[in-house]
Amino acid sequence: MLDHNNSAIHSIADARVDKLESNDAWEILNKSSNLIIAKGKKTLEFVPSTKNKAEILSHAIGRSGTLRAPTLIIADKIVVGYQDELYTNLFSK
């Protein structure tokens, strides 16, 4: 999908090696102006702030206690998790 749209990947991290726990994950997530979290068939959208930090982390942190994968940073937007329809919409523009 990324190749089809000529999208460049600037860096890749292996979530099994580079584990981001809650505080480290929040440092990344809090920098976005638009945070999208895919969970099952739902997508949740947030504008991160200290008021919704706990709610965001409850959706963004997986059972292992680390940031869910995949996590994409696209300009000032962050996408956590995978959902076909979401990715199609993101990369078909």
PDB file of N, CA and C in Angstrom:
ATOM      1  N   MET A   1       0.822  -1.189   0.000  1.00  0.00           N
ATOM      2  CA  MET A   1       0.000   0.000   0.000  1.00  0.00           C
ATOM      3  C   MET A   1       0.867   1.254   0.000  1.00  0.00           C
ATOM      4  N   LEU A   2       1.949   1.267   0.777  1.00  0.00           N
ATOM      5  CA  LEU A   2       2.817   2.436   0.799  1.00  0.00           C
ATOM      6  C   LEU A   2       3.545   2.607  -0.528  1.00  0.00           C
ATOM      7  N   ASP A   3       4.008   1.491  -1.114  1.00  0.00           N
ATOM      8  CA  ASP A   3       4.679   1.558  -2.406  1.00  0.00           C
ATOM      9  C   ASP A   3       3.761   2.098  -3.479  1.00  0.00           C
ATOM     10  N   HIS A   4       2.515   1.673  -3.468  1.00  0.00           N
ATOM     11  CA  HIS A   4       1.533   2.082  -4.463  1.00  0.00           C
ATOM     12  C   HIS A   4       1.338   3.600  -4.467  1.00  0.00           C
ATOM     13  N   ASN A   5       1.483   4.225  -3.316  1.00  0.00           N
ATOM     14  CA  ASN A   5       1.272   5.670  -3.189  1.00  0.00           C
ATOM     15  C   ASN A   5       2.567   6.456  -3.129  1.00  0.00           C
ATOM     16  N   ASN A   6       3.683   5.807  -3.420  1.00  0.00           N
ATOM     17  CA  ASN A   6       4.997   6.454  -3.390  1.00  0.00           C
ATOM     18  C   ASN A   6       5.281   7.123  -2.053  1.00  0.00           C
ATOM     19  N   SER A   7       4.888   6.484  -0.981  1.00  0.00           N
ATOM     20  CA  SER A   7       5.136   7.011   0.358  1.00  0.00           C
ATOM     21  C   SER A   7       6.513   6.573   0.824  1.00  0.00           C
ATOM     22  N   ALA A   8       7.249   7.487   1.415  1.00  0.00           N
ATOM     23  CA  ALA A   8       8.591   7.181   1.907  1.00  0.00           C
ATOM     24  C   ALA A   8       8.540   6.833   3.394  1.00  0.00           C
ATOM     25  N   ILE A   9       9.267   5.813   3.764  1.00  0.00           N
ATOM     26  CA  ILE A   9       9.385   5.429   5.168  1.00  0.00           C
ATOM     27  C   ILE A   9      10.708   5.986   5.667  1.00  0.00           C
ATOM     28  N   HIS A  10      10.659   6.798   6.716  1.00  0.00           N
ATOM     29  CA  HIS A  10      11.872   7.443   7.210  1.00  0.00           C
ATOM     30  C   HIS A  10      12.588   6.623   8.267  1.00  0.00           C
ATOM     31  N   SER A  11      11.854   5.862   9.052  1.00  0.00           N
ATOM     32  CA  SER A  11      12.501   4.986  10.027  1.00  0.00           C
ATOM     33  C   SER A  11      11.544   3.870  10.410  1.00  0.00           C
ATOM     34  N   ILE A  12      12.139   2.768  10.827  1.00  0.00           N
ATOM     35  CA  ILE A  12      11.374   1.602  11.257  1.00  0.00           C
ATOM     36  C   ILE A  12      11.965   1.138  12.585  1.00  0.00           C
ATOM     37  N   ALA A  13      11.086   0.794  13.514  1.00  0.00           N
ATOM     38  CA  ALA A  13      11.528   0.240  14.792  1.00  0.00           C
ATOM     39  C   ALA A  13      10.772  -1.063  15.018  1.00  0.00           C
ATOM     40  N   ASP A  14      11.436  -2.029  15.577  1.00  0.00           N
ATOM     41  CA  ASP A  14      10.815  -3.311  15.885  1.00  0.00           C
ATOM     42  C   ASP A  14      10.211  -3.233  17.283  1.00  0.00           C
ATOM     43  N   ALA A  15       8.881  -3.340  17.370  1.00  0.00           N
ATOM     44  CA  ALA A  15       8.183  -3.203  18.655  1.00  0.00           C
ATOM     45  C   ALA A  15       8.588  -4.274  19.652  1.00  0.00           C
ATOM     46  N   ARG A  16       9.109  -5.402  19.162  1.00  0.00           N
ATOM     47  CA  ARG A  16       9.565  -6.451  20.076  1.00  0.00           C
ATOM     48  C   ARG A  16      10.894  -6.100  20.706  1.00  0.00           C
ATOM     49  N   VAL A  17      11.663  -5.239  20.038  1.00  0.00           N
ATOM     50  CA  VAL A  17      12.980  -4.850  20.537  1.00  0.00           C
ATOM     51  C   VAL A  17      12.919  -3.482  21.217  1.00  0.00           C
ATOM     52  N   ASP A  18      12.312  -2.517  20.541  1.00  0.00           N
ATOM     53  CA  ASP A  18      12.220  -1.136  21.036  1.00  0.00           C
ATOM     54  C   ASP A  18      10.881  -0.939  21.735  1.00  0.00           C
ATOM     55  N   LYS A  19      10.734  -1.508  22.906  1.00  0.00           N
ATOM     56  CA  LYS A  19       9.458  -1.466  23.632  1.00  0.00           C
ATOM     57  C   LYS A  19       9.248  -0.101  24.273  1.00  0.00           C
ATOM     58  N   LEU A  20       8.083   0.474  24.028  1.00  0.00           N
ATOM     59  CA  LEU A  20       7.737   1.760  24.623  1.00  0.00           C
ATOM     60  C   LEU A  20       6.629   1.544  25.642  1.00  0.00           C
ATOM     61  N   GLU A  21       6.964   1.721  26.898  1.00  0.00           N
ATOM     62  CA  GLU A  21       5.962   1.592  27.950  1.00  0.00           C
ATOM     63  C   GLU A  21       5.212   2.910  28.083  1.00  0.00           C
ATOM     64  N   SER A  22       4.246   2.954  28.976  1.00  0.00           N
ATOM     65  CA  SER A  22       3.300   4.081  29.064  1.00  0.00           C
ATOM     66  C   SER A  22       3.946   5.460  29.012  1.00  0.00           C
ATOM     67  N   ASN A  23       4.910   5.733  29.877  1.00  0.00           N
ATOM     68  CA  ASN A  23       5.484   7.085  29.923  1.00  0.00           C
ATOM     69  C   ASN A  23       6.198   7.445  28.630  1.00  0.00           C
ATOM     70  N   ASP A  24       6.974   6.498  28.088  1.00  0.00           N
ATOM     71  CA  ASP A  24       7.678   6.754  26.829  1.00  0.00           C
ATOM     72  C   ASP A  24       6.689   6.884  25.669  1.00  0.00           C
ATOM     73  N   ALA A  25       5.671   6.047  25.670  1.00  0.00           N
ATOM     74  CA  ALA A  25       4.649   6.123  24.622  1.00  0.00           C
ATOM     75  C   ALA A  25       3.939   7.469  24.682  1.00  0.00           C
ATOM     76  N   TRP A  26       3.604   7.931  25.885  1.00  0.00           N
ATOM     77  CA  TRP A  26       2.913   9.212  26.026  1.00  0.00           C
ATOM     78  C   TRP A  26       3.754  10.360  25.473  1.00  0.00           C
ATOM     79  N   GLU A  27       5.061  10.306  25.659  1.00  0.00           N
ATOM     80  CA  GLU A  27       5.940  11.358  25.130  1.00  0.00           C
ATOM     81  C   GLU A  27       5.790  11.480  23.617  1.00  0.00           C
ATOM     82  N   ILE A  28       5.586  10.364  22.936  1.00  0.00           N
ATOM     83  CA  ILE A  28       5.401  10.379  21.491  1.00  0.00           C
ATOM     84  C   ILE A  28       3.967  10.781  21.136  1.00  0.00           C
ATOM     85  N   LEU A  29       2.999  10.132  21.754  1.00  0.00           N
ATOM     86  CA  LEU A  29       1.594  10.370  21.422  1.00  0.00           C
ATOM     87  C   LEU A  29       1.165  11.800  21.708  1.00  0.00           C
ATOM     88  N   ASN A  30       1.686  12.383  22.751  1.00  0.00           N
ATOM     89  CA  ASN A  30       1.315  13.732  23.164  1.00  0.00           C
ATOM     90  C   ASN A  30       1.792  14.799  22.177  1.00  0.00           C
ATOM     91  N   LYS A  31       2.721  14.452  21.306  1.00  0.00           N
ATOM     92  CA  LYS A  31       3.239  15.422  20.331  1.00  0.00           C
ATOM     93  C   LYS A  31       2.347  15.563  19.103  1.00  0.00           C
ATOM     94  N   SER A  32       1.360  14.692  18.976  1.00  0.00           N
ATOM     95  CA  SER A  32       0.511  14.756  17.781  1.00  0.00           C
ATOM     96  C   SER A  32      -0.639  15.732  17.990  1.00  0.00           C
ATOM     97  N   SER A  33      -1.140  16.254  16.882  1.00  0.00           N
ATOM     98  CA  SER A  33      -2.337  17.092  16.968  1.00  0.00           C
ATOM     99  C   SER A  33      -3.573  16.268  16.636  1.00  0.00           C
ATOM    100  N   ASN A  34      -3.357  15.076  16.080  1.00  0.00           N
ATOM    101  CA  ASN A  34      -4.452  14.184  15.730  1.00  0.00           C
ATOM    102  C   ASN A  34      -3.972  12.753  15.950  1.00  0.00           C
ATOM    103  N   LEU A  35      -4.587  12.072  16.878  1.00  0.00           N
ATOM    104  CA  LEU A  35      -4.219  10.703  17.221  1.00  0.00           C
ATOM    105  C   LEU A  35      -5.379   9.787  16.857  1.00  0.00           C
ATOM    106  N   ILE A  36      -5.096   8.772  16.058  1.00  0.00           N
ATOM    107  CA  ILE A  36      -6.112   7.801  15.654  1.00  0.00           C
ATOM    108  C   ILE A  36      -5.679   6.438  16.174  1.00  0.00           C
ATOM    109  N   ILE A  37      -6.577   5.785  16.898  1.00  0.00           N
ATOM    110  CA  ILE A  37      -6.283   4.459  17.437  1.00  0.00           C
ATOM    111  C   ILE A  37      -7.298   3.484  16.857  1.00  0.00           C
ATOM    112  N   ALA A  38      -6.790   2.462  16.172  1.00  0.00           N
ATOM    113  CA  ALA A  38      -7.644   1.417  15.598  1.00  0.00           C
ATOM    114  C   ALA A  38      -7.738   0.282  16.607  1.00  0.00           C
ATOM    115  N   LYS A  39      -8.970  -0.082  16.955  1.00  0.00           N
ATOM    116  CA  LYS A  39      -9.219  -1.200  17.863  1.00  0.00           C
ATOM    117  C   LYS A  39     -10.345  -2.029  17.267  1.00  0.00           C
ATOM    118  N   GLY A  40      -9.990  -3.197  16.744  1.00  0.00           N
ATOM    119  CA  GLY A  40     -11.005  -4.018  16.102  1.00  0.00           C
ATOM    120  C   GLY A  40     -11.577  -3.299  14.902  1.00  0.00           C
ATOM    121  N   LYS A  41     -12.887  -3.178  14.848  1.00  0.00           N
ATOM    122  CA  LYS A  41     -13.542  -2.496  13.727  1.00  0.00           C
ATOM    123  C   LYS A  41     -13.761  -1.018  14.005  1.00  0.00           C
ATOM    124  N   LYS A  42     -13.393  -0.563  15.211  1.00  0.00           N
ATOM    125  CA  LYS A  42     -13.590   0.837  15.591  1.00  0.00           C
ATOM    126  C   LYS A  42     -12.309   1.636  15.389  1.00  0.00           C
ATOM    127  N   THR A  43     -12.487   2.920  15.137  1.00  0.00           N
ATOM    128  CA  THR A  43     -11.366   3.849  15.193  1.00  0.00           C
ATOM    129  C   THR A  43     -11.743   4.954  16.163  1.00  0.00           C
ATOM    130  N   LEU A  44     -10.816   5.293  17.005  1.00  0.00           N
ATOM    131  CA  LEU A  44     -11.005   6.338  18.000  1.00  0.00           C
ATOM    132  C   LEU A  44     -10.077   7.487  17.650  1.00  0.00           C
ATOM    133  N   GLU A  45     -10.580   8.712  17.709  1.00  0.00           N
ATOM    134  CA  GLU A  45      -9.757   9.878  17.408  1.00  0.00           C
ATOM    135  C   GLU A  45      -9.651  10.766  18.641  1.00  0.00           C
ATOM    136  N   PHE A  46      -8.436  11.273  18.854  1.00  0.00           N
ATOM    137  CA  PHE A  46      -8.170  12.107  20.020  1.00  0.00           C
ATOM    138  C   PHE A  46      -7.286  13.291  19.632  1.00  0.00           C
ATOM    139  N   VAL A  47      -7.418  14.346  20.393  1.00  0.00           N
ATOM    140  CA  VAL A  47      -6.436  15.417  20.435  1.00  0.00           C
ATOM    141  C   VAL A  47      -5.804  15.261  21.813  1.00  0.00           C
ATOM    142  N   PRO A  48      -4.559  14.782  21.864  1.00  0.00           N
ATOM    143  CA  PRO A  48      -3.947  14.473  23.161  1.00  0.00           C
ATOM    144  C   PRO A  48      -3.830  15.689  24.075  1.00  0.00           C
ATOM    145  N   SER A  49      -4.153  15.460  25.341  1.00  0.00           N
ATOM    146  CA  SER A  49      -3.950  16.462  26.393  1.00  0.00           C
ATOM    147  C   SER A  49      -3.828  15.713  27.708  1.00  0.00           C
ATOM    148  N   THR A  50      -3.403  16.414  28.728  1.00  0.00           N
ATOM    149  CA  THR A  50      -3.278  15.754  30.026  1.00  0.00           C
ATOM    150  C   THR A  50      -4.633  15.302  30.545  1.00  0.00           C
ATOM    151  N   LYS A  51      -5.711  15.921  30.083  1.00  0.00           N
ATOM    152  CA  LYS A  51      -7.057  15.543  30.529  1.00  0.00           C
ATOM    153  C   LYS A  51      -7.476  14.172  30.023  1.00  0.00           C
ATOM    154  N   ASN A  52      -7.006  13.771  28.828  1.00  0.00           N
ATOM    155  CA  ASN A  52      -7.415  12.477  28.288  1.00  0.00           C
ATOM    156  C   ASN A  52      -6.258  11.474  28.203  1.00  0.00           C
ATOM    157  N   LYS A  53      -5.171  11.763  28.904  1.00  0.00           N
ATOM    158  CA  LYS A  53      -3.996  10.893  28.876  1.00  0.00           C
ATOM    159  C   LYS A  53      -4.337   9.463  29.276  1.00  0.00           C
ATOM    160  N   ALA A  54      -5.036   9.265  30.375  1.00  0.00           N
ATOM    161  CA  ALA A  54      -5.351   7.915  30.857  1.00  0.00           C
ATOM    162  C   ALA A  54      -6.207   7.161  29.844  1.00  0.00           C
ATOM    163  N   GLU A  55      -7.184   7.840  29.257  1.00  0.00           N
ATOM    164  CA  GLU A  55      -8.044   7.186  28.271  1.00  0.00           C
ATOM    165  C   GLU A  55      -7.247   6.793  27.030  1.00  0.00           C
ATOM    166  N   ILE A  56      -6.412   7.697  26.552  1.00  0.00           N
ATOM    167  CA  ILE A  56      -5.594   7.404  25.378  1.00  0.00           C
ATOM    168  C   ILE A  56      -4.687   6.213  25.649  1.00  0.00           C
ATOM    169  N   LEU A  57      -3.989   6.233  26.768  1.00  0.00           N
ATOM    170  CA  LEU A  57      -3.069   5.134  27.075  1.00  0.00           C
ATOM    171  C   LEU A  57      -3.801   3.812  27.249  1.00  0.00           C
ATOM    172  N   SER A  58      -5.028   3.856  27.758  1.00  0.00           N
ATOM    173  CA  SER A  58      -5.777   2.609  27.922  1.00  0.00           C
ATOM    174  C   SER A  58      -6.067   1.953  26.572  1.00  0.00           C
ATOM    175  N   HIS A  59      -6.155   2.735  25.514  1.00  0.00           N
ATOM    176  CA  HIS A  59      -6.405   2.205  24.175  1.00  0.00           C
ATOM    177  C   HIS A  59      -5.108   1.940  23.407  1.00  0.00           C
ATOM    178  N   ALA A  60      -4.069   2.733  23.666  1.00  0.00           N
ATOM    179  CA  ALA A  60      -2.832   2.650  22.891  1.00  0.00           C
ATOM    180  C   ALA A  60      -1.836   1.620  23.431  1.00  0.00           C
ATOM    181  N   ILE A  61      -1.963   1.271  24.695  1.00  0.00           N
ATOM    182  CA  ILE A  61      -1.044   0.311  25.297  1.00  0.00           C
ATOM    183  C   ILE A  61      -1.680  -1.075  25.237  1.00  0.00           C
ATOM    184  N   GLY A  62      -0.918  -2.033  24.745  1.00  0.00           N
ATOM    185  CA  GLY A  62      -1.433  -3.392  24.590  1.00  0.00           C
ATOM    186  C   GLY A  62      -1.313  -4.219  25.861  1.00  0.00           C
ATOM    187  N   ARG A  63      -1.685  -5.484  25.747  1.00  0.00           N
ATOM    188  CA  ARG A  63      -1.632  -6.403  26.902  1.00  0.00           C
ATOM    189  C   ARG A  63      -0.232  -6.572  27.454  1.00  0.00           C
ATOM    190  N   SER A  64       0.758  -6.394  26.616  1.00  0.00           N
ATOM    191  CA  SER A  64       2.144  -6.541  27.055  1.00  0.00           C
ATOM    192  C   SER A  64       2.618  -5.348  27.888  1.00  0.00           C
ATOM    193  N   GLY A  65       1.810  -4.286  27.933  1.00  0.00           N
ATOM    194  CA  GLY A  65       2.189  -3.089  28.678  1.00  0.00           C
ATOM    195  C   GLY A  65       3.000  -2.106  27.860  1.00  0.00           C
ATOM    196  N   THR A  66       3.061  -2.342  26.553  1.00  0.00           N
ATOM    197  CA  THR A  66       3.824  -1.455  25.674  1.00  0.00           C
ATOM    198  C   THR A  66       2.930  -0.925  24.555  1.00  0.00           C
ATOM    199  N   LEU A  67       3.422   0.098  23.864  1.00  0.00           N
ATOM    200  CA  LEU A  67       2.685   0.721  22.762  1.00  0.00           C
ATOM    201  C   LEU A  67       2.351  -0.322  21.710  1.00  0.00           C
ATOM    202  N   ARG A  68       1.095  -0.336  21.288  1.00  0.00           N
ATOM    203  CA  ARG A  68       0.638  -1.290  20.288  1.00  0.00           C
ATOM    204  C   ARG A  68       1.287  -1.015  18.936  1.00  0.00           C
ATOM    205  N   ALA A  69       1.412  -2.065  18.172  1.00  0.00           N
ATOM    206  CA  ALA A  69       1.996  -1.965  16.840  1.00  0.00           C
ATOM    207  C   ALA A  69       0.936  -2.346  15.814  1.00  0.00           C
ATOM    208  N   PRO A  70       1.036  -1.822  14.635  1.00  0.00           N
ATOM    209  CA  PRO A  70       1.989  -0.803  14.200  1.00  0.00           C
ATOM    210  C   PRO A  70       1.578   0.579  14.694  1.00  0.00           C
ATOM    211  N   THR A  71       2.556   1.428  14.800  1.00  0.00           N
ATOM    212  CA  THR A  71       2.318   2.830  15.114  1.00  0.00           C
ATOM    213  C   THR A  71       2.996   3.649  14.024  1.00  0.00           C
ATOM    214  N   LEU A  72       2.230   4.483  13.367  1.00  0.00           N
ATOM    215  CA  LEU A  72       2.743   5.323  12.290  1.00  0.00           C
ATOM    216  C   LEU A  72       2.715   6.780  12.714  1.00  0.00           C
ATOM    217  N   ILE A  73       3.760   7.495  12.378  1.00  0.00           N
ATOM    218  CA  ILE A  73       3.796   8.942  12.579  1.00  0.00           C
ATOM    219  C   ILE A  73       3.826   9.558  11.191  1.00  0.00           C
ATOM    220  N   ILE A  74       2.762  10.282  10.856  1.00  0.00           N
ATOM    221  CA  ILE A  74       2.620  10.903   9.540  1.00  0.00           C
ATOM    222  C   ILE A  74       2.436  12.395   9.781  1.00  0.00           C
ATOM    223  N   ALA A  75       3.514  13.146   9.603  1.00  0.00           N
ATOM    224  CA  ALA A  75       3.525  14.581   9.909  1.00  0.00           C
ATOM    225  C   ALA A  75       3.114  14.769  11.370  1.00  0.00           C
ATOM    226  N   ASP A  76       1.998  15.461  11.641  1.00  0.00           N
ATOM    227  CA  ASP A  76       1.586  15.675  13.033  1.00  0.00           C
ATOM    228  C   ASP A  76       0.456  14.729  13.441  1.00  0.00           C
ATOM    229  N   LYS A  77       0.226  13.690  12.643  1.00  0.00           N
ATOM    230  CA  LYS A  77      -0.802  12.688  12.924  1.00  0.00           C
ATOM    231  C   LYS A  77      -0.117  11.389  13.352  1.00  0.00           C
ATOM    232  N   ILE A  78      -0.691  10.716  14.335  1.00  0.00           N
ATOM    233  CA  ILE A  78      -0.180   9.416  14.763  1.00  0.00           C
ATOM    234  C   ILE A  78      -1.315   8.410  14.663  1.00  0.00           C
ATOM    235  N   VAL A  79      -0.998   7.249  14.099  1.00  0.00           N
ATOM    236  CA  VAL A  79      -1.960   6.169  13.951  1.00  0.00           C
ATOM    237  C   VAL A  79      -1.424   4.965  14.720  1.00  0.00           C
ATOM    238  N   VAL A  80      -2.226   4.447  15.647  1.00  0.00           N
ATOM    239  CA  VAL A  80      -1.842   3.285  16.453  1.00  0.00           C
ATOM    240  C   VAL A  80      -2.789   2.148  16.102  1.00  0.00           C
ATOM    241  N   GLY A  81      -2.222   0.984  15.816  1.00  0.00           N
ATOM    242  CA  GLY A  81      -3.027  -0.179  15.486  1.00  0.00           C
ATOM    243  C   GLY A  81      -3.272  -0.272  13.998  1.00  0.00           C
ATOM    244  N   TYR A  82      -3.906  -1.361  13.591  1.00  0.00           N
ATOM    245  CA  TYR A  82      -4.151  -1.590  12.171  1.00  0.00           C
ATOM    246  C   TYR A  82      -5.613  -1.907  11.924  1.00  0.00           C
ATOM    247  N   GLN A  83      -6.120  -1.338  10.847  1.00  0.00           N
ATOM    248  CA  GLN A  83      -7.460  -1.633  10.365  1.00  0.00           C
ATOM    249  C   GLN A  83      -7.452  -1.361   8.862  1.00  0.00           C
ATOM    250  N   ASP A  84      -7.868  -2.349   8.070  1.00  0.00           N
ATOM    251  CA  ASP A  84      -7.824  -2.215   6.600  1.00  0.00           C
ATOM    252  C   ASP A  84      -8.448  -0.917   6.104  1.00  0.00           C
ATOM    253  N   GLU A  85      -9.664  -0.646   6.515  1.00  0.00           N
ATOM    254  CA  GLU A  85     -10.383   0.532   6.010  1.00  0.00           C
ATOM    255  C   GLU A  85      -9.651   1.828   6.363  1.00  0.00           C
ATOM    256  N   LEU A  86      -9.135   1.912   7.574  1.00  0.00           N
ATOM    257  CA  LEU A  86      -8.395   3.100   8.005  1.00  0.00           C
ATOM    258  C   LEU A  86      -7.162   3.309   7.134  1.00  0.00           C
ATOM    259  N   TYR A  87      -6.387   2.268   6.929  1.00  0.00           N
ATOM    260  CA  TYR A  87      -5.169   2.392   6.128  1.00  0.00           C
ATOM    261  C   TYR A  87      -5.506   2.714   4.672  1.00  0.00           C
ATOM    262  N   THR A  88      -6.555   2.122   4.147  1.00  0.00           N
ATOM    263  CA  THR A  88      -6.976   2.440   2.784  1.00  0.00           C
ATOM    264  C   THR A  88      -7.316   3.920   2.678  1.00  0.00           C
ATOM    265  N   ASN A  89      -8.061   4.451   3.635  1.00  0.00           N
ATOM    266  CA  ASN A  89      -8.410   5.873   3.620  1.00  0.00           C
ATOM    267  C   ASN A  89      -7.190   6.764   3.784  1.00  0.00           C
ATOM    268  N   LEU A  90      -6.260   6.371   4.642  1.00  0.00           N
ATOM    269  CA  LEU A  90      -5.066   7.181   4.866  1.00  0.00           C
ATOM    270  C   LEU A  90      -4.187   7.267   3.629  1.00  0.00           C
ATOM    271  N   PHE A  91      -4.036   6.153   2.923  1.00  0.00           N
ATOM    272  CA  PHE A  91      -3.054   6.092   1.851  1.00  0.00           C
ATOM    273  C   PHE A  91      -3.634   6.121   0.448  1.00  0.00           C
ATOM    274  N   SER A  92      -4.928   6.335   0.331  1.00  0.00           N
ATOM    275  CA  SER A  92      -5.515   6.402  -1.004  1.00  0.00           C
ATOM    276  C   SER A  92      -5.682   7.828  -1.485  1.00  0.00           C
ATOM    277  N   LYS A  93      -5.263   8.785  -0.687  1.00  0.00           N
ATOM    278  CA  LYS A  93      -5.414  10.205  -1.044  1.00  0.00           C
ATOM    279  C   LYS A  93      -4.234  10.690  -1.839  1.00  0.00           C
TER     280      LYS A  93
END
